[in-house]
Amino acid sequence: MNLPNRITMGRFALALALFGFLEWGNIAGTGEWWKPALAAAAFILAVATDAADGYYARKLGLQTDFGRIADPVVDKVIVCGVLIFFCSYPWAEATVPTWMVVLIVCREFLVSGLRGFIEARGVAFPARWDGKMKMICQCIMIPAVFLQRVMDLRWPGEESLVAFVNYFAIFFVWLTFVLTLSSGFRYITAAAAVLRKQGEESGVKGGGI
């Protein structure tokens, strides 16, 4: 296993460690500000190393089929996993409602399934720019929600600063949600266009036999 793939597997291991901490660290009801801060730091580390494995894969010419498939899967495991944990935290659910998490997770599964299906038919189906923007917003939104909790526990008297962080988190939650739906719709229409084209080409070939 080459270096980029080892980084990808390390990210997956870090995600599992983060989930364990979210499950058994009493993040939902803790009064200790450092716990959500540590969770945010672990999330940032997990997603930041995504740039590292991509960089080394391109620089060293170490792109593999495993890395191409595993890398986005790990991204989705990290993001969707934390969002699902948010659903069990009253302080997070107020900012990231459960119905929104359900739609985001459904979109991720749908797009992953479409990409796999289209590429299995021999057609490249790379990530789109709006999908990448959605991922960037997710990577800002989740630490911002943790930061909300840190602010509430560590600096409860700083009302103006707490309010700013709250508005910042809410803005990125809704921006992420809009990009999630819009990029998902674009992936669906792109997949439909590919299937339609293949159907027309197979029809032309069949008609000539």
N, C-alpha and C. Protein backbone atom coordinates (compact mmCIF):
# COMPACT_ATOMS: atom_id res chain seq x y z
N MET A 1 0.85 -1.19 0.00
CA MET A 1 0.00 0.00 0.00
C MET A 1 0.89 1.25 0.00
N ASN A 2 0.67 2.14 -0.96
CA ASN A 2 1.53 3.31 -1.09
C ASN A 2 1.17 4.38 -0.05
N LEU A 3 1.95 5.48 -0.05
CA LEU A 3 1.80 6.53 0.97
C LEU A 3 0.41 7.18 0.94
N PRO A 4 -0.11 7.62 -0.22
CA PRO A 4 -1.44 8.24 -0.21
C PRO A 4 -2.52 7.30 0.33
N ASN A 5 -2.44 6.02 -0.02
CA ASN A 5 -3.44 5.09 0.47
C ASN A 5 -3.31 4.86 1.97
N ARG A 6 -2.07 4.89 2.48
CA ARG A 6 -1.88 4.76 3.92
C ARG A 6 -2.45 5.98 4.66
N ILE A 7 -2.31 7.16 4.04
CA ILE A 7 -2.90 8.35 4.64
C ILE A 7 -4.42 8.23 4.66
N THR A 8 -4.99 7.72 3.58
CA THR A 8 -6.44 7.53 3.52
C THR A 8 -6.91 6.59 4.62
N MET A 9 -6.20 5.47 4.80
CA MET A 9 -6.59 4.53 5.85
C MET A 9 -6.37 5.13 7.23
N GLY A 10 -5.34 5.98 7.37
CA GLY A 10 -5.14 6.68 8.64
C GLY A 10 -6.29 7.63 8.94
N ARG A 11 -6.80 8.29 7.90
CA ARG A 11 -7.96 9.16 8.07
C ARG A 11 -9.18 8.38 8.53
N PHE A 12 -9.33 7.18 7.98
CA PHE A 12 -10.46 6.35 8.39
C PHE A 12 -10.32 5.93 9.85
N ALA A 13 -9.10 5.57 10.26
CA ALA A 13 -8.87 5.20 11.66
C ALA A 13 -9.12 6.40 12.57
N LEU A 14 -8.72 7.59 12.15
CA LEU A 14 -8.97 8.79 12.94
C LEU A 14 -10.46 9.07 13.04
N ALA A 15 -11.20 8.81 11.97
CA ALA A 15 -12.65 8.98 12.00
C ALA A 15 -13.28 8.05 13.03
N LEU A 16 -12.83 6.80 13.06
CA LEU A 16 -13.37 5.86 14.04
C LEU A 16 -13.05 6.30 15.47
N ALA A 17 -11.82 6.82 15.67
CA ALA A 17 -11.45 7.32 16.99
C ALA A 17 -12.33 8.51 17.38
N LEU A 18 -12.60 9.39 16.41
CA LEU A 18 -13.48 10.54 16.66
C LEU A 18 -14.88 10.08 17.03
N PHE A 19 -15.40 9.09 16.31
CA PHE A 19 -16.74 8.59 16.62
C PHE A 19 -16.79 7.97 18.01
N GLY A 20 -15.72 7.26 18.37
CA GLY A 20 -15.65 6.69 19.71
C GLY A 20 -15.67 7.77 20.78
N PHE A 21 -14.94 8.85 20.53
CA PHE A 21 -14.92 9.95 21.49
C PHE A 21 -16.29 10.62 21.57
N LEU A 22 -16.96 10.80 20.42
CA LEU A 22 -18.29 11.40 20.42
C LEU A 22 -19.30 10.52 21.15
N GLU A 23 -19.11 9.21 21.08
CA GLU A 23 -20.04 8.27 21.71
C GLU A 23 -19.82 8.19 23.22
N TRP A 24 -18.56 8.08 23.63
CA TRP A 24 -18.27 7.82 25.05
C TRP A 24 -17.67 9.01 25.78
N GLY A 25 -17.52 10.13 25.11
CA GLY A 25 -16.94 11.30 25.76
C GLY A 25 -17.95 12.24 26.38
N ASN A 26 -19.23 11.83 26.37
CA ASN A 26 -20.31 12.66 26.95
C ASN A 26 -20.33 14.06 26.33
N ILE A 27 -20.17 14.10 25.01
CA ILE A 27 -20.18 15.38 24.31
C ILE A 27 -21.56 16.03 24.39
N ALA A 28 -22.60 15.20 24.42
CA ALA A 28 -23.96 15.73 24.40
C ALA A 28 -24.26 16.59 25.62
N GLY A 29 -23.82 16.13 26.80
CA GLY A 29 -24.18 16.86 28.02
C GLY A 29 -23.02 17.39 28.82
N THR A 30 -21.82 17.34 28.26
CA THR A 30 -20.65 17.76 29.01
C THR A 30 -20.66 19.26 29.29
N GLY A 31 -20.09 19.63 30.42
CA GLY A 31 -19.90 21.03 30.74
C GLY A 31 -18.46 21.46 30.54
N GLU A 32 -17.65 20.57 29.99
CA GLU A 32 -16.23 20.84 29.77
C GLU A 32 -16.02 21.31 28.34
N TRP A 33 -15.56 22.54 28.19
CA TRP A 33 -15.47 23.15 26.87
C TRP A 33 -14.42 22.48 25.99
N TRP A 34 -13.41 21.85 26.60
CA TRP A 34 -12.32 21.29 25.81
C TRP A 34 -12.76 20.05 25.02
N LYS A 35 -13.85 19.41 25.43
CA LYS A 35 -14.29 18.20 24.72
C LYS A 35 -14.81 18.52 23.32
N PRO A 36 -15.75 19.45 23.16
CA PRO A 36 -16.14 19.81 21.78
C PRO A 36 -14.99 20.45 21.01
N ALA A 37 -14.08 21.14 21.71
CA ALA A 37 -12.92 21.71 21.02
C ALA A 37 -12.03 20.61 20.48
N LEU A 38 -11.82 19.55 21.28
CA LEU A 38 -11.01 18.43 20.82
C LEU A 38 -11.68 17.70 19.66
N ALA A 39 -13.00 17.55 19.73
CA ALA A 39 -13.73 16.91 18.64
C ALA A 39 -13.58 17.72 17.35
N ALA A 40 -13.66 19.04 17.46
CA ALA A 40 -13.50 19.90 16.28
C ALA A 40 -12.10 19.77 15.71
N ALA A 41 -11.09 19.73 16.58
CA ALA A 41 -9.71 19.60 16.12
C ALA A 41 -9.48 18.27 15.42
N ALA A 42 -10.05 17.19 15.97
CA ALA A 42 -9.91 15.87 15.34
C ALA A 42 -10.57 15.85 13.97
N PHE A 43 -11.73 16.48 13.87
CA PHE A 43 -12.42 16.55 12.57
C PHE A 43 -11.59 17.32 11.56
N ILE A 44 -11.06 18.47 11.98
CA ILE A 44 -10.25 19.29 11.08
C ILE A 44 -9.02 18.52 10.61
N LEU A 45 -8.38 17.78 11.52
CA LEU A 45 -7.22 16.98 11.15
C LEU A 45 -7.60 15.90 10.14
N ALA A 46 -8.74 15.26 10.37
CA ALA A 46 -9.17 14.18 9.49
C ALA A 46 -9.44 14.68 8.08
N VAL A 47 -10.07 15.85 7.94
CA VAL A 47 -10.38 16.36 6.60
C VAL A 47 -9.18 17.06 5.98
N ALA A 48 -8.30 17.63 6.83
CA ALA A 48 -7.12 18.31 6.28
C ALA A 48 -6.17 17.34 5.62
N THR A 49 -6.06 16.13 6.16
CA THR A 49 -5.17 15.14 5.57
C THR A 49 -5.69 14.64 4.22
N ASP A 50 -6.95 14.98 3.91
CA ASP A 50 -7.48 14.65 2.59
C ASP A 50 -6.65 15.35 1.51
N ALA A 51 -6.26 16.60 1.78
CA ALA A 51 -5.43 17.34 0.83
C ALA A 51 -4.06 16.69 0.71
N ALA A 52 -3.55 16.12 1.80
CA ALA A 52 -2.22 15.52 1.78
C ALA A 52 -2.18 14.29 0.90
N ASP A 53 -3.17 13.40 1.04
CA ASP A 53 -3.11 12.18 0.22
C ASP A 53 -3.31 12.50 -1.26
N GLY A 54 -4.17 13.50 -1.56
CA GLY A 54 -4.33 13.89 -2.95
C GLY A 54 -3.08 14.52 -3.53
N TYR A 55 -2.41 15.33 -2.72
CA TYR A 55 -1.18 16.00 -3.17
C TYR A 55 -0.08 14.98 -3.49
N TYR A 56 0.15 14.05 -2.57
CA TYR A 56 1.21 13.06 -2.80
C TYR A 56 0.85 12.09 -3.93
N ALA A 57 -0.43 11.78 -4.06
CA ALA A 57 -0.83 10.90 -5.15
C ALA A 57 -0.52 11.53 -6.51
N ARG A 58 -0.79 12.84 -6.63
CA ARG A 58 -0.53 13.52 -7.90
C ARG A 58 0.95 13.78 -8.10
N LYS A 59 1.65 14.23 -7.05
CA LYS A 59 3.05 14.59 -7.18
C LYS A 59 3.92 13.38 -7.48
N LEU A 60 3.63 12.26 -6.82
CA LEU A 60 4.46 11.07 -6.96
C LEU A 60 3.91 10.09 -8.01
N GLY A 61 2.79 10.46 -8.63
CA GLY A 61 2.21 9.57 -9.63
C GLY A 61 1.72 8.26 -9.04
N LEU A 62 1.09 8.35 -7.87
CA LEU A 62 0.68 7.14 -7.16
C LEU A 62 -0.84 6.97 -7.12
N GLN A 63 -1.53 7.52 -8.12
CA GLN A 63 -2.98 7.34 -8.17
C GLN A 63 -3.31 5.86 -8.39
N THR A 64 -4.24 5.36 -7.62
CA THR A 64 -4.68 3.98 -7.75
C THR A 64 -6.20 3.93 -7.75
N ASP A 65 -6.75 2.81 -8.25
CA ASP A 65 -8.20 2.63 -8.22
C ASP A 65 -8.71 2.61 -6.77
N PHE A 66 -7.93 1.99 -5.89
CA PHE A 66 -8.33 1.94 -4.48
C PHE A 66 -8.43 3.35 -3.91
N GLY A 67 -7.43 4.18 -4.16
CA GLY A 67 -7.44 5.53 -3.63
C GLY A 67 -8.56 6.37 -4.21
N ARG A 68 -8.82 6.19 -5.50
CA ARG A 68 -9.88 6.96 -6.16
C ARG A 68 -11.24 6.65 -5.57
N ILE A 69 -11.44 5.39 -5.15
CA ILE A 69 -12.71 4.98 -4.57
C ILE A 69 -12.75 5.26 -3.07
N ALA A 70 -11.66 4.90 -2.38
CA ALA A 70 -11.66 4.98 -0.92
C ALA A 70 -11.65 6.41 -0.41
N ASP A 71 -10.96 7.31 -1.10
CA ASP A 71 -10.82 8.68 -0.61
C ASP A 71 -12.16 9.38 -0.43
N PRO A 72 -13.03 9.43 -1.46
CA PRO A 72 -14.33 10.08 -1.25
C PRO A 72 -15.22 9.33 -0.27
N VAL A 73 -15.07 8.00 -0.19
CA VAL A 73 -15.86 7.23 0.77
C VAL A 73 -15.50 7.65 2.20
N VAL A 74 -14.21 7.78 2.47
CA VAL A 74 -13.77 8.21 3.81
C VAL A 74 -14.28 9.61 4.10
N ASP A 75 -14.25 10.49 3.11
CA ASP A 75 -14.79 11.84 3.31
C ASP A 75 -16.24 11.78 3.77
N LYS A 76 -17.02 10.96 3.09
CA LYS A 76 -18.45 10.87 3.41
C LYS A 76 -18.67 10.22 4.77
N VAL A 77 -17.85 9.22 5.11
CA VAL A 77 -17.97 8.58 6.42
C VAL A 77 -17.73 9.60 7.53
N ILE A 78 -16.69 10.42 7.38
CA ILE A 78 -16.36 11.42 8.40
C ILE A 78 -17.49 12.44 8.53
N VAL A 79 -17.89 13.03 7.42
CA VAL A 79 -18.89 14.10 7.47
C VAL A 79 -20.25 13.57 7.91
N CYS A 80 -20.73 12.51 7.27
CA CYS A 80 -22.05 11.99 7.61
C CYS A 80 -22.08 11.44 9.03
N GLY A 81 -20.98 10.81 9.46
CA GLY A 81 -20.93 10.28 10.82
C GLY A 81 -21.09 11.37 11.86
N VAL A 82 -20.36 12.47 11.71
CA VAL A 82 -20.47 13.57 12.68
C VAL A 82 -21.86 14.20 12.62
N LEU A 83 -22.41 14.37 11.43
CA LEU A 83 -23.76 14.94 11.32
C LEU A 83 -24.80 14.07 12.02
N ILE A 84 -24.64 12.76 11.91
CA ILE A 84 -25.58 11.85 12.59
C ILE A 84 -25.44 11.98 14.10
N PHE A 85 -24.21 12.12 14.59
CA PHE A 85 -24.03 12.34 16.02
C PHE A 85 -24.68 13.65 16.47
N PHE A 86 -24.64 14.67 15.61
CA PHE A 86 -25.27 15.94 15.95
C PHE A 86 -26.75 15.77 16.28
N CYS A 87 -27.38 14.80 15.62
CA CYS A 87 -28.81 14.60 15.84
C CYS A 87 -29.13 14.20 17.29
N SER A 88 -28.15 13.67 18.01
CA SER A 88 -28.37 13.25 19.40
C SER A 88 -27.95 14.31 20.41
N TYR A 89 -27.46 15.46 19.92
CA TYR A 89 -27.02 16.54 20.80
C TYR A 89 -28.04 17.67 20.75
N PRO A 90 -28.75 17.94 21.85
CA PRO A 90 -29.75 19.03 21.82
C PRO A 90 -29.15 20.37 21.41
N TRP A 91 -27.93 20.66 21.84
CA TRP A 91 -27.33 21.95 21.50
C TRP A 91 -26.94 22.04 20.03
N ALA A 92 -26.71 20.89 19.37
CA ALA A 92 -26.38 20.90 17.95
C ALA A 92 -27.63 20.82 17.08
N GLU A 93 -28.63 20.07 17.56
CA GLU A 93 -29.85 19.87 16.78
C GLU A 93 -30.58 21.19 16.56
N ALA A 94 -30.37 22.16 17.46
CA ALA A 94 -31.00 23.46 17.29
C ALA A 94 -30.44 24.20 16.08
N THR A 95 -29.20 23.92 15.72
CA THR A 95 -28.56 24.56 14.56
C THR A 95 -28.64 23.69 13.32
N VAL A 96 -28.46 22.39 13.50
CA VAL A 96 -28.50 21.44 12.39
C VAL A 96 -29.67 20.49 12.63
N PRO A 97 -30.88 20.81 12.16
CA PRO A 97 -32.04 19.98 12.44
C PRO A 97 -31.92 18.59 11.83
N THR A 98 -32.60 17.63 12.46
CA THR A 98 -32.50 16.24 12.03
C THR A 98 -32.94 16.04 10.59
N TRP A 99 -34.01 16.72 10.18
CA TRP A 99 -34.50 16.54 8.81
C TRP A 99 -33.45 16.96 7.79
N MET A 100 -32.66 17.98 8.13
CA MET A 100 -31.61 18.44 7.23
C MET A 100 -30.50 17.39 7.13
N VAL A 101 -30.14 16.79 8.26
CA VAL A 101 -29.12 15.75 8.26
C VAL A 101 -29.57 14.57 7.40
N VAL A 102 -30.83 14.19 7.52
CA VAL A 102 -31.36 13.07 6.73
C VAL A 102 -31.22 13.35 5.24
N LEU A 103 -31.58 14.55 4.81
CA LEU A 103 -31.48 14.89 3.38
C LEU A 103 -30.03 14.94 2.91
N ILE A 104 -29.15 15.46 3.74
CA ILE A 104 -27.73 15.52 3.35
C ILE A 104 -27.16 14.12 3.20
N VAL A 105 -27.45 13.24 4.16
CA VAL A 105 -26.93 11.87 4.10
C VAL A 105 -27.52 11.13 2.90
N CYS A 106 -28.81 11.32 2.64
CA CYS A 106 -29.44 10.68 1.48
C CYS A 106 -28.77 11.15 0.18
N ARG A 107 -28.48 12.43 0.10
CA ARG A 107 -27.82 12.95 -1.10
C ARG A 107 -26.47 12.31 -1.30
N GLU A 108 -25.69 12.16 -0.21
CA GLU A 108 -24.36 11.58 -0.32
C GLU A 108 -24.43 10.14 -0.83
N PHE A 109 -25.36 9.36 -0.28
CA PHE A 109 -25.51 7.98 -0.74
C PHE A 109 -25.98 7.92 -2.18
N LEU A 110 -26.91 8.80 -2.55
CA LEU A 110 -27.43 8.79 -3.91
C LEU A 110 -26.35 9.12 -4.92
N VAL A 111 -25.57 10.16 -4.65
CA VAL A 111 -24.52 10.56 -5.60
C VAL A 111 -23.43 9.49 -5.68
N SER A 112 -23.06 8.91 -4.55
CA SER A 112 -22.06 7.84 -4.57
C SER A 112 -22.54 6.66 -5.39
N GLY A 113 -23.81 6.30 -5.23
CA GLY A 113 -24.36 5.20 -6.01
C GLY A 113 -24.40 5.50 -7.49
N LEU A 114 -24.80 6.72 -7.84
CA LEU A 114 -24.83 7.12 -9.24
C LEU A 114 -23.44 7.10 -9.86
N ARG A 115 -22.47 7.62 -9.11
CA ARG A 115 -21.10 7.67 -9.64
C ARG A 115 -20.58 6.26 -9.90
N GLY A 116 -20.81 5.37 -8.94
CA GLY A 116 -20.36 3.99 -9.12
C GLY A 116 -21.06 3.31 -10.29
N PHE A 117 -22.35 3.57 -10.43
CA PHE A 117 -23.12 2.94 -11.51
C PHE A 117 -22.65 3.44 -12.88
N ILE A 118 -22.45 4.75 -13.01
CA ILE A 118 -22.03 5.33 -14.29
C ILE A 118 -20.63 4.87 -14.65
N GLU A 119 -19.71 4.89 -13.68
CA GLU A 119 -18.33 4.49 -13.97
C GLU A 119 -18.24 3.00 -14.26
N ALA A 120 -19.14 2.20 -13.71
CA ALA A 120 -19.17 0.78 -14.03
C ALA A 120 -19.56 0.54 -15.48
N ARG A 121 -20.18 1.52 -16.10
CA ARG A 121 -20.55 1.42 -17.52
C ARG A 121 -19.46 1.99 -18.42
N GLY A 122 -18.29 2.29 -17.83
CA GLY A 122 -17.15 2.73 -18.62
C GLY A 122 -17.10 4.21 -18.93
N VAL A 123 -17.84 5.02 -18.18
CA VAL A 123 -17.88 6.46 -18.41
C VAL A 123 -17.31 7.16 -17.17
N ALA A 124 -16.35 8.06 -17.39
CA ALA A 124 -15.80 8.82 -16.27
C ALA A 124 -16.86 9.75 -15.70
N PHE A 125 -16.95 9.79 -14.38
CA PHE A 125 -17.96 10.63 -13.72
C PHE A 125 -17.29 11.34 -12.55
N PRO A 126 -16.41 12.31 -12.84
CA PRO A 126 -15.62 12.96 -11.78
C PRO A 126 -16.46 13.90 -10.94
N ALA A 127 -15.86 14.32 -9.81
CA ALA A 127 -16.53 15.29 -8.94
C ALA A 127 -16.67 16.62 -9.67
N ARG A 128 -17.78 17.30 -9.43
CA ARG A 128 -18.05 18.59 -10.04
C ARG A 128 -17.61 19.70 -9.08
N TRP A 129 -17.46 20.90 -9.62
CA TRP A 129 -16.99 22.02 -8.80
C TRP A 129 -17.95 22.34 -7.67
N ASP A 130 -19.27 22.23 -7.94
CA ASP A 130 -20.22 22.55 -6.89
C ASP A 130 -20.22 21.48 -5.80
N GLY A 131 -19.92 20.23 -6.18
CA GLY A 131 -19.77 19.19 -5.18
C GLY A 131 -18.56 19.44 -4.29
N LYS A 132 -17.49 19.95 -4.90
CA LYS A 132 -16.29 20.28 -4.11
C LYS A 132 -16.56 21.46 -3.18
N MET A 133 -17.32 22.44 -3.66
CA MET A 133 -17.68 23.58 -2.81
C MET A 133 -18.55 23.11 -1.65
N LYS A 134 -19.42 22.17 -1.91
CA LYS A 134 -20.26 21.61 -0.84
C LYS A 134 -19.41 20.97 0.23
N MET A 135 -18.38 20.22 -0.19
CA MET A 135 -17.49 19.56 0.77
C MET A 135 -16.72 20.60 1.59
N ILE A 136 -16.26 21.66 0.95
CA ILE A 136 -15.55 22.72 1.67
C ILE A 136 -16.45 23.35 2.72
N CYS A 137 -17.70 23.63 2.35
CA CYS A 137 -18.65 24.22 3.30
C CYS A 137 -18.94 23.27 4.45
N GLN A 138 -19.04 21.98 4.17
CA GLN A 138 -19.24 21.01 5.25
C GLN A 138 -18.07 21.03 6.23
N CYS A 139 -16.86 21.17 5.68
CA CYS A 139 -15.66 21.16 6.51
C CYS A 139 -15.53 22.44 7.35
N ILE A 140 -16.25 23.49 6.97
CA ILE A 140 -16.30 24.70 7.79
C ILE A 140 -17.47 24.63 8.77
N MET A 141 -18.60 24.11 8.29
CA MET A 141 -19.81 24.08 9.09
C MET A 141 -19.66 23.24 10.36
N ILE A 142 -19.10 22.04 10.25
CA ILE A 142 -19.04 21.14 11.40
C ILE A 142 -18.16 21.69 12.53
N PRO A 143 -16.94 22.18 12.25
CA PRO A 143 -16.18 22.81 13.34
C PRO A 143 -16.89 24.04 13.91
N ALA A 144 -17.63 24.77 13.07
CA ALA A 144 -18.34 25.95 13.56
C ALA A 144 -19.42 25.56 14.56
N VAL A 145 -20.10 24.44 14.33
CA VAL A 145 -21.11 23.98 15.27
C VAL A 145 -20.46 23.56 16.60
N PHE A 146 -19.33 22.86 16.51
CA PHE A 146 -18.60 22.54 17.74
C PHE A 146 -18.15 23.82 18.44
N LEU A 147 -17.73 24.81 17.67
CA LEU A 147 -17.27 26.06 18.26
C LEU A 147 -18.40 26.78 18.99
N GLN A 148 -19.61 26.64 18.48
CA GLN A 148 -20.77 27.18 19.19
C GLN A 148 -20.81 26.67 20.63
N ARG A 149 -20.64 25.34 20.76
CA ARG A 149 -20.69 24.73 22.09
C ARG A 149 -19.52 25.18 22.95
N VAL A 150 -18.35 25.31 22.34
CA VAL A 150 -17.18 25.80 23.08
C VAL A 150 -17.44 27.20 23.62
N MET A 151 -18.00 28.06 22.78
CA MET A 151 -18.28 29.43 23.20
C MET A 151 -19.30 29.48 24.32
N ASP A 152 -20.33 28.66 24.21
CA ASP A 152 -21.37 28.64 25.25
C ASP A 152 -20.81 28.19 26.60
N LEU A 153 -19.85 27.26 26.57
CA LEU A 153 -19.31 26.73 27.81
C LEU A 153 -18.14 27.55 28.35
N ARG A 154 -17.32 28.07 27.46
CA ARG A 154 -16.09 28.73 27.89
C ARG A 154 -16.26 30.23 28.10
N TRP A 155 -17.04 30.88 27.23
CA TRP A 155 -17.21 32.33 27.33
C TRP A 155 -18.69 32.70 27.29
N PRO A 156 -19.48 32.21 28.25
CA PRO A 156 -20.93 32.47 28.21
C PRO A 156 -21.28 33.95 28.36
N GLY A 157 -20.40 34.73 28.96
CA GLY A 157 -20.70 36.15 29.17
C GLY A 157 -20.41 37.02 27.97
N GLU A 158 -19.67 36.50 27.00
CA GLU A 158 -19.32 37.28 25.81
C GLU A 158 -20.46 37.18 24.78
N GLU A 159 -21.53 37.90 25.03
CA GLU A 159 -22.74 37.75 24.23
C GLU A 159 -22.53 38.11 22.77
N SER A 160 -21.80 39.17 22.50
CA SER A 160 -21.60 39.59 21.11
C SER A 160 -20.77 38.56 20.34
N LEU A 161 -19.73 38.03 20.99
CA LEU A 161 -18.88 37.04 20.33
C LEU A 161 -19.63 35.73 20.13
N VAL A 162 -20.40 35.32 21.15
CA VAL A 162 -21.21 34.10 21.04
C VAL A 162 -22.23 34.24 19.91
N ALA A 163 -22.86 35.41 19.82
CA ALA A 163 -23.85 35.65 18.77
C ALA A 163 -23.21 35.58 17.39
N PHE A 164 -22.00 36.15 17.26
CA PHE A 164 -21.31 36.12 15.97
C PHE A 164 -21.02 34.68 15.54
N VAL A 165 -20.52 33.86 16.47
CA VAL A 165 -20.23 32.46 16.15
C VAL A 165 -21.51 31.72 15.79
N ASN A 166 -22.60 32.00 16.50
CA ASN A 166 -23.87 31.36 16.18
C ASN A 166 -24.34 31.69 14.77
N TYR A 167 -24.28 32.97 14.41
CA TYR A 167 -24.71 33.38 13.07
C TYR A 167 -23.78 32.79 12.01
N PHE A 168 -22.48 32.73 12.32
CA PHE A 168 -21.52 32.16 11.39
C PHE A 168 -21.85 30.69 11.13
N ALA A 169 -22.12 29.94 12.20
CA ALA A 169 -22.44 28.52 12.05
C ALA A 169 -23.74 28.33 11.28
N ILE A 170 -24.76 29.11 11.61
CA ILE A 170 -26.06 28.98 10.94
C ILE A 170 -25.93 29.30 9.45
N PHE A 171 -25.14 30.33 9.13
CA PHE A 171 -24.93 30.69 7.73
C PHE A 171 -24.35 29.52 6.94
N PHE A 172 -23.31 28.87 7.49
CA PHE A 172 -22.68 27.78 6.76
C PHE A 172 -23.54 26.51 6.76
N VAL A 173 -24.36 26.34 7.78
CA VAL A 173 -25.29 25.21 7.77
C VAL A 173 -26.23 25.33 6.57
N TRP A 174 -26.81 26.50 6.39
CA TRP A 174 -27.77 26.68 5.30
C TRP A 174 -27.10 26.75 3.94
N LEU A 175 -25.89 27.34 3.89
CA LEU A 175 -25.15 27.35 2.63
C LEU A 175 -24.80 25.92 2.22
N THR A 176 -24.37 25.12 3.18
CA THR A 176 -24.07 23.72 2.90
C THR A 176 -25.30 22.99 2.41
N PHE A 177 -26.43 23.23 3.05
CA PHE A 177 -27.67 22.55 2.66
C PHE A 177 -28.08 22.91 1.24
N VAL A 178 -27.99 24.19 0.89
CA VAL A 178 -28.35 24.63 -0.47
C VAL A 178 -27.41 24.00 -1.50
N LEU A 179 -26.10 24.02 -1.22
CA LEU A 179 -25.14 23.42 -2.15
C LEU A 179 -25.32 21.90 -2.23
N THR A 180 -25.72 21.29 -1.13
CA THR A 180 -25.97 19.85 -1.13
C THR A 180 -27.09 19.50 -2.09
N LEU A 181 -28.20 20.23 -2.00
CA LEU A 181 -29.33 19.94 -2.88
C LEU A 181 -29.04 20.31 -4.32
N SER A 182 -28.44 21.48 -4.55
CA SER A 182 -28.20 21.93 -5.92
C SER A 182 -27.17 21.04 -6.62
N SER A 183 -26.09 20.68 -5.92
CA SER A 183 -25.09 19.82 -6.54
C SER A 183 -25.64 18.42 -6.76
N GLY A 184 -26.46 17.94 -5.82
CA GLY A 184 -27.09 16.63 -6.01
C GLY A 184 -27.97 16.60 -7.23
N PHE A 185 -28.74 17.68 -7.44
CA PHE A 185 -29.60 17.76 -8.62
C PHE A 185 -28.76 17.76 -9.90
N ARG A 186 -27.63 18.47 -9.88
CA ARG A 186 -26.77 18.51 -11.06
C ARG A 186 -26.16 17.14 -11.36
N TYR A 187 -25.77 16.42 -10.32
CA TYR A 187 -25.24 15.07 -10.52
C TYR A 187 -26.32 14.16 -11.14
N ILE A 188 -27.54 14.29 -10.66
CA ILE A 188 -28.62 13.46 -11.18
C ILE A 188 -28.88 13.77 -12.65
N THR A 189 -28.92 15.06 -13.00
CA THR A 189 -29.16 15.41 -14.40
C THR A 189 -27.99 14.99 -15.29
N ALA A 190 -26.76 15.09 -14.76
CA ALA A 190 -25.59 14.65 -15.53
C ALA A 190 -25.63 13.14 -15.76
N ALA A 191 -26.00 12.40 -14.72
CA ALA A 191 -26.10 10.95 -14.86
C ALA A 191 -27.20 10.58 -15.86
N ALA A 192 -28.32 11.27 -15.79
CA ALA A 192 -29.42 11.00 -16.73
C ALA A 192 -28.98 11.28 -18.16
N ALA A 193 -28.19 12.34 -18.36
CA ALA A 193 -27.71 12.66 -19.71
C ALA A 193 -26.78 11.57 -20.23
N VAL A 194 -25.92 11.04 -19.35
CA VAL A 194 -25.01 9.96 -19.76
C VAL A 194 -25.80 8.72 -20.15
N LEU A 195 -26.78 8.36 -19.35
CA LEU A 195 -27.58 7.17 -19.63
C LEU A 195 -28.41 7.35 -20.90
N ARG A 196 -28.92 8.57 -21.09
CA ARG A 196 -29.70 8.84 -22.30
C ARG A 196 -28.82 8.72 -23.54
N LYS A 197 -27.61 9.24 -23.46
CA LYS A 197 -26.69 9.17 -24.60
C LYS A 197 -26.32 7.73 -24.90
N GLN A 198 -26.04 6.96 -23.85
CA GLN A 198 -25.70 5.55 -24.07
C GLN A 198 -26.88 4.80 -24.68
N GLY A 199 -28.09 5.15 -24.22
CA GLY A 199 -29.27 4.49 -24.78
C GLY A 199 -29.45 4.80 -26.24
N GLU A 200 -29.21 6.06 -26.61
CA GLU A 200 -29.34 6.45 -28.02
C GLU A 200 -28.28 5.77 -28.87
N GLU A 201 -27.03 5.68 -28.33
CA GLU A 201 -25.97 5.06 -29.10
C GLU A 201 -26.23 3.56 -29.28
N SER A 202 -26.72 2.92 -28.24
CA SER A 202 -27.02 1.49 -28.36
C SER A 202 -28.18 1.26 -29.31
N GLY A 203 -29.12 2.22 -29.33
CA GLY A 203 -30.25 2.12 -30.26
C GLY A 203 -29.80 2.25 -31.70
N VAL A 204 -28.86 3.19 -31.94
CA VAL A 204 -28.33 3.38 -33.30
C VAL A 204 -27.59 2.14 -33.75
N LYS A 205 -26.76 1.58 -32.84
CA LYS A 205 -26.01 0.39 -33.18
C LYS A 205 -26.94 -0.78 -33.44
N GLY A 206 -27.98 -0.89 -32.59
CA GLY A 206 -28.92 -2.00 -32.78
C GLY A 206 -29.67 -1.88 -34.08
N GLY A 207 -29.98 -0.61 -34.47
CA GLY A 207 -30.73 -0.43 -35.70
C GLY A 207 -29.91 -0.75 -36.93
N GLY A 208 -28.59 -0.71 -36.80
CA GLY A 208 -27.76 -0.95 -37.98
C GLY A 208 -27.42 -2.41 -38.17
N ILE A 209 -27.82 -3.24 -37.18
CA ILE A 209 -27.48 -4.66 -37.32
C ILE A 209 -28.49 -5.37 -38.19
